[in-house]
Amino acid sequence: AMPGSSQEMTIAIAIPFTLVFAPLSAIGFLIGVNKGGLVGGAIPAILI
């Protein structure tokens, strides 16, 4: 929802922090980021 950001950038930043997670938790978290980013990306486009 923040202009100038993207889910790809967030995934890239978050990947190193998932080293300590279990595989399913780590990849599930990153997929959640990707899916949430697709929804959030439309917010500033629609509002402003």
ModelCIF file with pLDDT and N, C-alpha, C, O atoms, coordinates in Angstrom:
data_MODEL
#
_entry.id   MODEL 
#
_entity.id                         1 
_entity.type                       polymer 
_entity.pdbx_number_of_molecules   1 
#
_entity_poly.entity_id                      1 
_entity_poly.type                           'polypeptide(L)' 
_entity_poly.nstd_linkage                   no 
_entity_poly.nstd_monomer                   no 
_entity_poly.pdbx_seq_one_letter_code       AMPGSSQEMTIAIAIPFTLVFAPLSAIGFLIGVNKGGLVGGAIPAILI 
_entity_poly.pdbx_seq_one_letter_code_can   AMPGSSQEMTIAIAIPFTLVFAPLSAIGFLIGVNKGGLVGGAIPAILI 
_entity_poly.pdbx_strand_id                 A 
#
loop_
_entity_poly_seq.entity_id 
_entity_poly_seq.num 
_entity_poly_seq.mon_id 
_entity_poly_seq.hetero 
1 1  ALA n 
1 2  MET n 
1 3  PRO n 
1 4  GLY n 
1 5  SER n 
1 6  SER n 
1 7  GLN n 
1 8  GLU n 
1 9  MET n 
1 10 THR n 
1 11 ILE n 
1 12 ALA n 
1 13 ILE n 
1 14 ALA n 
1 15 ILE n 
1 16 PRO n 
1 17 PHE n 
1 18 THR n 
1 19 LEU n 
1 20 VAL n 
1 21 PHE n 
1 22 ALA n 
1 23 PRO n 
1 24 LEU n 
1 25 SER n 
1 26 ALA n 
1 27 ILE n 
1 28 GLY n 
1 29 PHE n 
1 30 LEU n 
1 31 ILE n 
1 32 GLY n 
1 33 VAL n 
1 34 ASN n 
1 35 LYS n 
1 36 GLY n 
1 37 GLY n 
1 38 LEU n 
1 39 VAL n 
1 40 GLY n 
1 41 GLY n 
1 42 ALA n 
1 43 ILE n 
1 44 PRO n 
1 45 ALA n 
1 46 ILE n 
1 47 LEU n 
1 48 ILE n 
#
_struct_asym.id          A 
_struct_asym.entity_id   1 
#
loop_
_ma_qa_metric.id 
_ma_qa_metric.mode 
_ma_qa_metric.name 
_ma_qa_metric.software_group_id 
_ma_qa_metric.type 
1 global pLDDT . pLDDT 
2 local  pLDDT . pLDDT 
#
_ma_qa_metric_global.metric_id      1 
_ma_qa_metric_global.metric_value   78.02 
_ma_qa_metric_global.model_id       1 
_ma_qa_metric_global.ordinal_id     1 
#
loop_
_ma_qa_metric_local.label_asym_id 
_ma_qa_metric_local.label_comp_id 
_ma_qa_metric_local.label_seq_id 
_ma_qa_metric_local.metric_id 
_ma_qa_metric_local.metric_value 
_ma_qa_metric_local.model_id 
_ma_qa_metric_local.ordinal_id 
A ALA 1  2 74.00 1 1  
A MET 2  2 69.00 1 2  
A PRO 3  2 61.00 1 3  
A GLY 4  2 55.00 1 4  
A SER 5  2 60.00 1 5  
A SER 6  2 63.00 1 6  
A GLN 7  2 67.00 1 7  
A GLU 8  2 68.00 1 8  
A MET 9  2 65.00 1 9  
A THR 10 2 70.00 1 10 
A ILE 11 2 75.00 1 11 
A ALA 12 2 68.00 1 12 
A ILE 13 2 66.00 1 13 
A ALA 14 2 74.00 1 14 
A ILE 15 2 73.00 1 15 
A PRO 16 2 68.00 1 16 
A PHE 17 2 73.00 1 17 
A THR 18 2 76.00 1 18 
A LEU 19 2 75.00 1 19 
A VAL 20 2 77.00 1 20 
A PHE 21 2 82.00 1 21 
A ALA 22 2 85.00 1 22 
A PRO 23 2 85.00 1 23 
A LEU 24 2 86.00 1 24 
A SER 25 2 88.00 1 25 
A ALA 26 2 88.00 1 26 
A ILE 27 2 87.00 1 27 
A GLY 28 2 88.00 1 28 
A PHE 29 2 90.00 1 29 
A LEU 30 2 88.00 1 30 
A ILE 31 2 88.00 1 31 
A GLY 32 2 89.00 1 32 
A VAL 33 2 87.00 1 33 
A ASN 34 2 85.00 1 34 
A LYS 35 2 87.00 1 35 
A GLY 36 2 86.00 1 36 
A GLY 37 2 82.00 1 37 
A LEU 38 2 81.00 1 38 
A VAL 39 2 82.00 1 39 
A GLY 40 2 81.00 1 40 
A GLY 41 2 78.00 1 41 
A ALA 42 2 83.00 1 42 
A ILE 43 2 82.00 1 43 
A PRO 44 2 81.00 1 44 
A ALA 45 2 83.00 1 45 
A ILE 46 2 86.00 1 46 
A LEU 47 2 82.00 1 47 
A ILE 48 2 78.00 1 48 
#
loop_
_atom_site.group_PDB 
_atom_site.id 
_atom_site.type_symbol 
_atom_site.label_atom_id 
_atom_site.label_alt_id 
_atom_site.label_comp_id 
_atom_site.label_asym_id 
_atom_site.label_entity_id 
_atom_site.label_seq_id 
_atom_site.pdbx_PDB_ins_code 
_atom_site.Cartn_x 
_atom_site.Cartn_y 
_atom_site.Cartn_z 
_atom_site.occupancy 
_atom_site.B_iso_or_equiv 
_atom_site.pdbx_formal_charge 
_atom_site.auth_seq_id 
_atom_site.auth_comp_id 
_atom_site.auth_asym_id 
_atom_site.auth_atom_id 
_atom_site.pdbx_PDB_model_num 
ATOM 1   N N  . ALA A 1 1  ? 0.805  -1.216  0.000  1.00 74.00 ? 1  ALA A N  1 
ATOM 2   C CA . ALA A 1 1  ? 0.000  0.000   0.000  1.00 74.00 ? 1  ALA A CA 1 
ATOM 3   C C  . ALA A 1 1  ? 0.842  1.271   0.000  1.00 74.00 ? 1  ALA A C  1 
ATOM 4   O O  . ALA A 1 1  ? 0.305  2.367   -0.163 1.00 74.00 ? 1  ALA A O  1 
ATOM 5   N N  . MET A 1 2  ? 2.154  1.138   0.181  1.00 69.00 ? 2  MET A N  1 
ATOM 6   C CA . MET A 1 2  ? 3.028  2.308   0.187  1.00 69.00 ? 2  MET A CA 1 
ATOM 7   C C  . MET A 1 2  ? 3.624  2.504   -1.205 1.00 69.00 ? 2  MET A C  1 
ATOM 8   O O  . MET A 1 2  ? 4.356  1.635   -1.679 1.00 69.00 ? 2  MET A O  1 
ATOM 9   N N  . PRO A 1 3  ? 3.334  3.613   -1.866 1.00 61.00 ? 3  PRO A N  1 
ATOM 10  C CA . PRO A 1 3  ? 3.927  3.860   -3.187 1.00 61.00 ? 3  PRO A CA 1 
ATOM 11  C C  . PRO A 1 3  ? 5.448  3.824   -3.120 1.00 61.00 ? 3  PRO A C  1 
ATOM 12  O O  . PRO A 1 3  ? 6.053  4.372   -2.199 1.00 61.00 ? 3  PRO A O  1 
ATOM 13  N N  . GLY A 1 4  ? 6.049  3.182   -4.090 1.00 55.00 ? 4  GLY A N  1 
ATOM 14  C CA . GLY A 1 4  ? 7.500  3.089   -4.111 1.00 55.00 ? 4  GLY A CA 1 
ATOM 15  C C  . GLY A 1 4  ? 8.024  1.785   -3.563 1.00 55.00 ? 4  GLY A C  1 
ATOM 16  O O  . GLY A 1 4  ? 9.210  1.487   -3.703 1.00 55.00 ? 4  GLY A O  1 
ATOM 17  N N  . SER A 1 5  ? 7.153  0.992   -2.935 1.00 60.00 ? 5  SER A N  1 
ATOM 18  C CA . SER A 1 5  ? 7.564  -0.296  -2.404 1.00 60.00 ? 5  SER A CA 1 
ATOM 19  C C  . SER A 1 5  ? 6.930  -1.406  -3.233 1.00 60.00 ? 5  SER A C  1 
ATOM 20  O O  . SER A 1 5  ? 6.050  -1.156  -4.057 1.00 60.00 ? 5  SER A O  1 
ATOM 21  N N  . SER A 1 6  ? 7.384  -2.622  -3.006 1.00 63.00 ? 6  SER A N  1 
ATOM 22  C CA . SER A 1 6  ? 6.819  -3.764  -3.735 1.00 63.00 ? 6  SER A CA 1 
ATOM 23  C C  . SER A 1 6  ? 7.020  -5.013  -2.917 1.00 63.00 ? 6  SER A C  1 
ATOM 24  O O  . SER A 1 6  ? 7.889  -5.070  -2.047 1.00 63.00 ? 6  SER A O  1 
ATOM 25  N N  . GLN A 1 7  ? 6.201  -6.025  -3.205 1.00 67.00 ? 7  GLN A N  1 
ATOM 26  C CA . GLN A 1 7  ? 6.343  -7.287  -2.488 1.00 67.00 ? 7  GLN A CA 1 
ATOM 27  C C  . GLN A 1 7  ? 7.646  -7.972  -2.837 1.00 67.00 ? 7  GLN A C  1 
ATOM 28  O O  . GLN A 1 7  ? 8.204  -8.689  -2.007 1.00 67.00 ? 7  GLN A O  1 
ATOM 29  N N  . GLU A 1 8  ? 8.155  -7.767  -4.067 1.00 68.00 ? 8  GLU A N  1 
ATOM 30  C CA . GLU A 1 8  ? 9.428  -8.379  -4.446 1.00 68.00 ? 8  GLU A CA 1 
ATOM 31  C C  . GLU A 1 8  ? 10.567 -7.850  -3.570 1.00 68.00 ? 8  GLU A C  1 
ATOM 32  O O  . GLU A 1 8  ? 11.421 -8.611  -3.115 1.00 68.00 ? 8  GLU A O  1 
ATOM 33  N N  . MET A 1 9  ? 10.563 -6.523  -3.340 1.00 65.00 ? 9  MET A N  1 
ATOM 34  C CA . MET A 1 9  ? 11.598 -5.928  -2.505 1.00 65.00 ? 9  MET A CA 1 
ATOM 35  C C  . MET A 1 9  ? 11.493 -6.463  -1.081 1.00 65.00 ? 9  MET A C  1 
ATOM 36  O O  . MET A 1 9  ? 12.510 -6.754  -0.452 1.00 65.00 ? 9  MET A O  1 
ATOM 37  N N  . THR A 1 10 ? 10.277 -6.594  -0.570 1.00 70.00 ? 10 THR A N  1 
ATOM 38  C CA . THR A 1 10 ? 10.078 -7.092  0.783  1.00 70.00 ? 10 THR A CA 1 
ATOM 39  C C  . THR A 1 10 ? 10.519 -8.542  0.901  1.00 70.00 ? 10 THR A C  1 
ATOM 40  O O  . THR A 1 10 ? 11.142 -8.922  1.892  1.00 70.00 ? 10 THR A O  1 
ATOM 41  N N  . ILE A 1 11 ? 10.198 -9.367  -0.113 1.00 75.00 ? 11 ILE A N  1 
ATOM 42  C CA . ILE A 1 11 ? 10.626 -10.762 -0.095 1.00 75.00 ? 11 ILE A CA 1 
ATOM 43  C C  . ILE A 1 11 ? 12.144 -10.854 -0.078 1.00 75.00 ? 11 ILE A C  1 
ATOM 44  O O  . ILE A 1 11 ? 12.717 -11.645 0.672  1.00 75.00 ? 11 ILE A O  1 
ATOM 45  N N  . ALA A 1 12 ? 12.801 -10.035 -0.915 1.00 68.00 ? 12 ALA A N  1 
ATOM 46  C CA . ALA A 1 12 ? 14.271 -10.060 -0.987 1.00 68.00 ? 12 ALA A CA 1 
ATOM 47  C C  . ALA A 1 12 ? 14.898 -9.698  0.353  1.00 68.00 ? 12 ALA A C  1 
ATOM 48  O O  . ALA A 1 12 ? 15.895 -10.294 0.761  1.00 68.00 ? 12 ALA A O  1 
ATOM 49  N N  . ILE A 1 13 ? 14.306 -8.709  1.041  1.00 66.00 ? 13 ILE A N  1 
ATOM 50  C CA . ILE A 1 13 ? 14.838 -8.282  2.342  1.00 66.00 ? 13 ILE A CA 1 
ATOM 51  C C  . ILE A 1 13 ? 14.554 -9.331  3.409  1.00 66.00 ? 13 ILE A C  1 
ATOM 52  O O  . ILE A 1 13 ? 15.366 -9.541  4.310  1.00 66.00 ? 13 ILE A O  1 
ATOM 53  N N  . ALA A 1 14 ? 13.384 -9.997  3.308  1.00 74.00 ? 14 ALA A N  1 
ATOM 54  C CA . ALA A 1 14 ? 12.951 -10.924 4.365  1.00 74.00 ? 14 ALA A CA 1 
ATOM 55  C C  . ALA A 1 14 ? 13.619 -12.287 4.282  1.00 74.00 ? 14 ALA A C  1 
ATOM 56  O O  . ALA A 1 14 ? 13.712 -12.985 5.291  1.00 74.00 ? 14 ALA A O  1 
ATOM 57  N N  . ILE A 1 15 ? 14.091 -12.685 3.094  1.00 73.00 ? 15 ILE A N  1 
ATOM 58  C CA . ILE A 1 15 ? 14.630 -14.040 2.931  1.00 73.00 ? 15 ILE A CA 1 
ATOM 59  C C  . ILE A 1 15 ? 15.738 -14.371 3.942  1.00 73.00 ? 15 ILE A C  1 
ATOM 60  O O  . ILE A 1 15 ? 15.700 -15.454 4.526  1.00 73.00 ? 15 ILE A O  1 
ATOM 61  N N  . PRO A 1 16 ? 16.726 -13.486 4.176  1.00 68.00 ? 16 PRO A N  1 
ATOM 62  C CA . PRO A 1 16 ? 17.772 -13.846 5.150  1.00 68.00 ? 16 PRO A CA 1 
ATOM 63  C C  . PRO A 1 16 ? 17.236 -14.087 6.560  1.00 68.00 ? 16 PRO A C  1 
ATOM 64  O O  . PRO A 1 16 ? 17.817 -14.865 7.318  1.00 68.00 ? 16 PRO A O  1 
ATOM 65  N N  . PHE A 1 17 ? 16.131 -13.427 6.918  1.00 73.00 ? 17 PHE A N  1 
ATOM 66  C CA . PHE A 1 17 ? 15.586 -13.575 8.268  1.00 73.00 ? 17 PHE A CA 1 
ATOM 67  C C  . PHE A 1 17 ? 14.823 -14.889 8.444  1.00 73.00 ? 17 PHE A C  1 
ATOM 68  O O  . PHE A 1 17 ? 14.480 -15.261 9.567  1.00 73.00 ? 17 PHE A O  1 
ATOM 69  N N  . THR A 1 18 ? 14.553 -15.601 7.328  1.00 76.00 ? 18 THR A N  1 
ATOM 70  C CA . THR A 1 18 ? 13.817 -16.862 7.421  1.00 76.00 ? 18 THR A CA 1 
ATOM 71  C C  . THR A 1 18 ? 14.737 -18.065 7.618  1.00 76.00 ? 18 THR A C  1 
ATOM 72  O O  . THR A 1 18 ? 14.276 -19.206 7.645  1.00 76.00 ? 18 THR A O  1 
ATOM 73  N N  . LEU A 1 19 ? 16.042 -17.807 7.754  1.00 75.00 ? 19 LEU A N  1 
ATOM 74  C CA . LEU A 1 19 ? 16.995 -18.902 7.924  1.00 75.00 ? 19 LEU A CA 1 
ATOM 75  C C  . LEU A 1 19 ? 16.687 -19.745 9.155  1.00 75.00 ? 19 LEU A C  1 
ATOM 76  O O  . LEU A 1 19 ? 16.896 -20.958 9.147  1.00 75.00 ? 19 LEU A O  1 
ATOM 77  N N  . VAL A 1 20 ? 16.190 -19.106 10.215 1.00 77.00 ? 20 VAL A N  1 
ATOM 78  C CA . VAL A 1 20 ? 15.962 -19.811 11.477 1.00 77.00 ? 20 VAL A CA 1 
ATOM 79  C C  . VAL A 1 20 ? 14.583 -20.453 11.532 1.00 77.00 ? 20 VAL A C  1 
ATOM 80  O O  . VAL A 1 20 ? 14.273 -21.156 12.494 1.00 77.00 ? 20 VAL A O  1 
ATOM 81  N N  . PHE A 1 21 ? 13.745 -20.223 10.513 1.00 82.00 ? 21 PHE A N  1 
ATOM 82  C CA . PHE A 1 21 ? 12.399 -20.789 10.517 1.00 82.00 ? 21 PHE A CA 1 
ATOM 83  C C  . PHE A 1 21 ? 12.424 -22.218 9.962  1.00 82.00 ? 21 PHE A C  1 
ATOM 84  O O  . PHE A 1 21 ? 13.350 -22.613 9.254  1.00 82.00 ? 21 PHE A O  1 
ATOM 85  N N  . ALA A 1 22 ? 11.381 -22.978 10.304 1.00 85.00 ? 22 ALA A N  1 
ATOM 86  C CA . ALA A 1 22 ? 11.183 -24.277 9.662  1.00 85.00 ? 22 ALA A CA 1 
ATOM 87  C C  . ALA A 1 22 ? 10.825 -24.044 8.196  1.00 85.00 ? 22 ALA A C  1 
ATOM 88  O O  . ALA A 1 22 ? 10.259 -23.000 7.871  1.00 85.00 ? 22 ALA A O  1 
ATOM 89  N N  . PRO A 1 23 ? 11.140 -24.991 7.293  1.00 85.00 ? 23 PRO A N  1 
ATOM 90  C CA . PRO A 1 23 ? 10.901 -24.758 5.859  1.00 85.00 ? 23 PRO A CA 1 
ATOM 91  C C  . PRO A 1 23 ? 9.486  -24.304 5.524  1.00 85.00 ? 23 PRO A C  1 
ATOM 92  O O  . PRO A 1 23 ? 9.318  -23.344 4.772  1.00 85.00 ? 23 PRO A O  1 
ATOM 93  N N  . LEU A 1 24 ? 8.458  -24.971 6.064  1.00 86.00 ? 24 LEU A N  1 
ATOM 94  C CA . LEU A 1 24 ? 7.084  -24.621 5.730  1.00 86.00 ? 24 LEU A CA 1 
ATOM 95  C C  . LEU A 1 24 ? 6.736  -23.236 6.258  1.00 86.00 ? 24 LEU A C  1 
ATOM 96  O O  . LEU A 1 24 ? 6.068  -22.465 5.569  1.00 86.00 ? 24 LEU A O  1 
ATOM 97  N N  . SER A 1 25 ? 7.176  -22.908 7.465  1.00 88.00 ? 25 SER A N  1 
ATOM 98  C CA . SER A 1 25 ? 6.908  -21.579 8.038  1.00 88.00 ? 25 SER A CA 1 
ATOM 99  C C  . SER A 1 25 ? 7.603  -20.490 7.233  1.00 88.00 ? 25 SER A C  1 
ATOM 100 O O  . SER A 1 25 ? 7.017  -19.441 6.966  1.00 88.00 ? 25 SER A O  1 
ATOM 101 N N  . ALA A 1 26 ? 8.849  -20.738 6.846  1.00 88.00 ? 26 ALA A N  1 
ATOM 102 C CA . ALA A 1 26 ? 9.626  -19.738 6.111  1.00 88.00 ? 26 ALA A CA 1 
ATOM 103 C C  . ALA A 1 26 ? 9.004  -19.449 4.748  1.00 88.00 ? 26 ALA A C  1 
ATOM 104 O O  . ALA A 1 26 ? 8.776  -18.291 4.400  1.00 88.00 ? 26 ALA A O  1 
ATOM 105 N N  . ILE A 1 27 ? 8.731  -20.499 3.979  1.00 87.00 ? 27 ILE A N  1 
ATOM 106 C CA . ILE A 1 27 ? 8.196  -20.296 2.627  1.00 87.00 ? 27 ILE A CA 1 
ATOM 107 C C  . ILE A 1 27 ? 6.751  -19.817 2.696  1.00 87.00 ? 27 ILE A C  1 
ATOM 108 O O  . ILE A 1 27 ? 6.330  -19.007 1.870  1.00 87.00 ? 27 ILE A O  1 
ATOM 109 N N  . GLY A 1 28 ? 5.980  -20.310 3.677  1.00 88.00 ? 28 GLY A N  1 
ATOM 110 C CA . GLY A 1 28 ? 4.613  -19.827 3.865  1.00 88.00 ? 28 GLY A CA 1 
ATOM 111 C C  . GLY A 1 28 ? 4.574  -18.346 4.187  1.00 88.00 ? 28 GLY A C  1 
ATOM 112 O O  . GLY A 1 28 ? 3.697  -17.626 3.708  1.00 88.00 ? 28 GLY A O  1 
ATOM 113 N N  . PHE A 1 29 ? 5.529  -17.882 5.004  1.00 90.00 ? 29 PHE A N  1 
ATOM 114 C CA . PHE A 1 29 ? 5.622  -16.455 5.331  1.00 90.00 ? 29 PHE A CA 1 
ATOM 115 C C  . PHE A 1 29 ? 5.897  -15.628 4.079  1.00 90.00 ? 29 PHE A C  1 
ATOM 116 O O  . PHE A 1 29 ? 5.267  -14.592 3.868  1.00 90.00 ? 29 PHE A O  1 
ATOM 117 N N  . LEU A 1 30 ? 6.834  -16.080 3.248  1.00 88.00 ? 30 LEU A N  1 
ATOM 118 C CA . LEU A 1 30 ? 7.194  -15.335 2.036  1.00 88.00 ? 30 LEU A CA 1 
ATOM 119 C C  . LEU A 1 30 ? 6.052  -15.329 1.025  1.00 88.00 ? 30 LEU A C  1 
ATOM 120 O O  . LEU A 1 30 ? 5.826  -14.325 0.349  1.00 88.00 ? 30 LEU A O  1 
ATOM 121 N N  . ILE A 1 31 ? 5.337  -16.439 0.920  1.00 88.00 ? 31 ILE A N  1 
ATOM 122 C CA . ILE A 1 31 ? 4.178  -16.478 0.023  1.00 88.00 ? 31 ILE A CA 1 
ATOM 123 C C  . ILE A 1 31 ? 3.083  -15.549 0.533  1.00 88.00 ? 31 ILE A C  1 
ATOM 124 O O  . ILE A 1 31 ? 2.387  -14.911 -0.256 1.00 88.00 ? 31 ILE A O  1 
ATOM 125 N N  . GLY A 1 32 ? 2.931  -15.475 1.865  1.00 89.00 ? 32 GLY A N  1 
ATOM 126 C CA . GLY A 1 32 ? 1.986  -14.527 2.445  1.00 89.00 ? 32 GLY A CA 1 
ATOM 127 C C  . GLY A 1 32 ? 2.346  -13.094 2.097  1.00 89.00 ? 32 GLY A C  1 
ATOM 128 O O  . GLY A 1 32 ? 1.466  -12.287 1.794  1.00 89.00 ? 32 GLY A O  1 
ATOM 129 N N  . VAL A 1 33 ? 3.635  -12.771 2.138  1.00 87.00 ? 33 VAL A N  1 
ATOM 130 C CA . VAL A 1 33 ? 4.093  -11.429 1.753  1.00 87.00 ? 33 VAL A CA 1 
ATOM 131 C C  . VAL A 1 33 ? 3.727  -11.135 0.306  1.00 87.00 ? 33 VAL A C  1 
ATOM 132 O O  . VAL A 1 33 ? 3.241  -10.050 -0.016 1.00 87.00 ? 33 VAL A O  1 
ATOM 133 N N  . ASN A 1 34 ? 3.964  -12.112 -0.563 1.00 85.00 ? 34 ASN A N  1 
ATOM 134 C CA . ASN A 1 34 ? 3.681  -11.933 -1.984 1.00 85.00 ? 34 ASN A CA 1 
ATOM 135 C C  . ASN A 1 34 ? 2.188  -11.725 -2.233 1.00 85.00 ? 34 ASN A C  1 
ATOM 136 O O  . ASN A 1 34 ? 1.805  -10.818 -2.972 1.00 85.00 ? 34 ASN A O  1 
ATOM 137 N N  . LYS A 1 35 ? 1.353  -12.550 -1.629 1.00 87.00 ? 35 LYS A N  1 
ATOM 138 C CA . LYS A 1 35 ? -0.092 -12.436 -1.827 1.00 87.00 ? 35 LYS A CA 1 
ATOM 139 C C  . LYS A 1 35 ? -0.632 -11.145 -1.213 1.00 87.00 ? 35 LYS A C  1 
ATOM 140 O O  . LYS A 1 35 ? -1.486 -10.490 -1.810 1.00 87.00 ? 35 LYS A O  1 
ATOM 141 N N  . GLY A 1 36 ? -0.149 -10.777 -0.040 1.00 86.00 ? 36 GLY A N  1 
ATOM 142 C CA . GLY A 1 36 ? -0.589 -9.525  0.579  1.00 86.00 ? 36 GLY A CA 1 
ATOM 143 C C  . GLY A 1 36 ? -0.178 -8.316  -0.232 1.00 86.00 ? 36 GLY A C  1 
ATOM 144 O O  . GLY A 1 36 ? -0.923 -7.340  -0.318 1.00 86.00 ? 36 GLY A O  1 
ATOM 145 N N  . GLY A 1 37 ? 1.010  -8.372  -0.833 1.00 82.00 ? 37 GLY A N  1 
ATOM 146 C CA . GLY A 1 37 ? 1.476  -7.261  -1.657 1.00 82.00 ? 37 GLY A CA 1 
ATOM 147 C C  . GLY A 1 37 ? 0.621  -7.048  -2.887 1.00 82.00 ? 37 GLY A C  1 
ATOM 148 O O  . GLY A 1 37 ? 0.427  -5.912  -3.321 1.00 82.00 ? 37 GLY A O  1 
ATOM 149 N N  . LEU A 1 38 ? 0.101  -8.146  -3.462 1.00 81.00 ? 38 LEU A N  1 
ATOM 150 C CA . LEU A 1 38 ? -0.770 -8.026  -4.640 1.00 81.00 ? 38 LEU A CA 1 
ATOM 151 C C  . LEU A 1 38 ? -2.058 -7.289  -4.288 1.00 81.00 ? 38 LEU A C  1 
ATOM 152 O O  . LEU A 1 38 ? -2.565 -6.509  -5.095 1.00 81.00 ? 38 LEU A O  1 
ATOM 153 N N  . VAL A 1 39 ? -2.594 -7.530  -3.088 1.00 82.00 ? 39 VAL A N  1 
ATOM 154 C CA . VAL A 1 39 ? -3.796 -6.821  -2.636 1.00 82.00 ? 39 VAL A CA 1 
ATOM 155 C C  . VAL A 1 39 ? -3.469 -5.371  -2.294 1.00 82.00 ? 39 VAL A C  1 
ATOM 156 O O  . VAL A 1 39 ? -4.197 -4.457  -2.684 1.00 82.00 ? 39 VAL A O  1 
ATOM 157 N N  . GLY A 1 40 ? -2.379 -5.163  -1.568 1.00 81.00 ? 40 GLY A N  1 
ATOM 158 C CA . GLY A 1 40 ? -2.027 -3.809  -1.131 1.00 81.00 ? 40 GLY A CA 1 
ATOM 159 C C  . GLY A 1 40 ? -1.632 -2.883  -2.256 1.00 81.00 ? 40 GLY A C  1 
ATOM 160 O O  . GLY A 1 40 ? -1.820 -1.671  -2.150 1.00 81.00 ? 40 GLY A O  1 
ATOM 161 N N  . GLY A 1 41 ? -1.080 -3.432  -3.348 1.00 78.00 ? 41 GLY A N  1 
ATOM 162 C CA . GLY A 1 41 ? -0.615 -2.590  -4.445 1.00 78.00 ? 41 GLY A CA 1 
ATOM 163 C C  . GLY A 1 41 ? -1.713 -1.791  -5.114 1.00 78.00 ? 41 GLY A C  1 
ATOM 164 O O  . GLY A 1 41 ? -1.452 -0.744  -5.707 1.00 78.00 ? 41 GLY A O  1 
ATOM 165 N N  . ALA A 1 42 ? -2.949 -2.280  -5.022 1.00 83.00 ? 42 ALA A N  1 
ATOM 166 C CA . ALA A 1 42 ? -4.060 -1.569  -5.661 1.00 83.00 ? 42 ALA A CA 1 
ATOM 167 C C  . ALA A 1 42 ? -4.559 -0.393  -4.832 1.00 83.00 ? 42 ALA A C  1 
ATOM 168 O O  . ALA A 1 42 ? -5.269 0.467   -5.352 1.00 83.00 ? 42 ALA A O  1 
ATOM 169 N N  . ILE A 1 43 ? -4.201 -0.340  -3.555 1.00 82.00 ? 43 ILE A N  1 
ATOM 170 C CA . ILE A 1 43 ? -4.773 0.675   -2.659 1.00 82.00 ? 43 ILE A CA 1 
ATOM 171 C C  . ILE A 1 43 ? -4.406 2.103   -3.074 1.00 82.00 ? 43 ILE A C  1 
ATOM 172 O O  . ILE A 1 43 ? -5.311 2.913   -3.272 1.00 82.00 ? 43 ILE A O  1 
ATOM 173 N N  . PRO A 1 44 ? -3.108 2.453   -3.216 1.00 81.00 ? 44 PRO A N  1 
ATOM 174 C CA . PRO A 1 44 ? -2.803 3.832   -3.627 1.00 81.00 ? 44 PRO A CA 1 
ATOM 175 C C  . PRO A 1 44 ? -3.257 4.150   -5.046 1.00 81.00 ? 44 PRO A C  1 
ATOM 176 O O  . PRO A 1 44 ? -3.569 5.298   -5.363 1.00 81.00 ? 44 PRO A O  1 
ATOM 177 N N  . ALA A 1 45 ? -3.293 3.119   -5.906 1.00 83.00 ? 45 ALA A N  1 
ATOM 178 C CA . ALA A 1 45 ? -3.760 3.344   -7.285 1.00 83.00 ? 45 ALA A CA 1 
ATOM 179 C C  . ALA A 1 45 ? -5.220 3.763   -7.293 1.00 83.00 ? 45 ALA A C  1 
ATOM 180 O O  . ALA A 1 45 ? -5.610 4.652   -8.050 1.00 83.00 ? 45 ALA A O  1 
ATOM 181 N N  . ILE A 1 46 ? -6.026 3.126   -6.455 1.00 86.00 ? 46 ILE A N  1 
ATOM 182 C CA . ILE A 1 46 ? -7.458 3.437   -6.401 1.00 86.00 ? 46 ILE A CA 1 
ATOM 183 C C  . ILE A 1 46 ? -7.722 4.740   -5.658 1.00 86.00 ? 46 ILE A C  1 
ATOM 184 O O  . ILE A 1 46 ? -8.542 5.546   -6.097 1.00 86.00 ? 46 ILE A O  1 
ATOM 185 N N  . LEU A 1 47 ? -7.039 4.955   -4.544 1.00 82.00 ? 47 LEU A N  1 
ATOM 186 C CA . LEU A 1 47 ? -7.361 6.101   -3.689 1.00 82.00 ? 47 LEU A CA 1 
ATOM 187 C C  . LEU A 1 47 ? -6.817 7.422   -4.218 1.00 82.00 ? 47 LEU A C  1 
ATOM 188 O O  . LEU A 1 47 ? -7.518 8.433   -4.179 1.00 82.00 ? 47 LEU A O  1 
ATOM 189 N N  . ILE A 1 48 ? -5.585 7.433   -4.708 1.00 78.00 ? 48 ILE A N  1 
ATOM 190 C CA . ILE A 1 48 ? -4.985 8.713   -5.116 1.00 78.00 ? 48 ILE A CA 1 
ATOM 191 C C  . ILE A 1 48 ? -4.343 8.639   -6.503 1.00 78.00 ? 48 ILE A C  1 
ATOM 192 O O  . ILE A 1 48 ? -3.798 9.632   -6.984 1.00 78.00 ? 48 ILE A O  1 
#
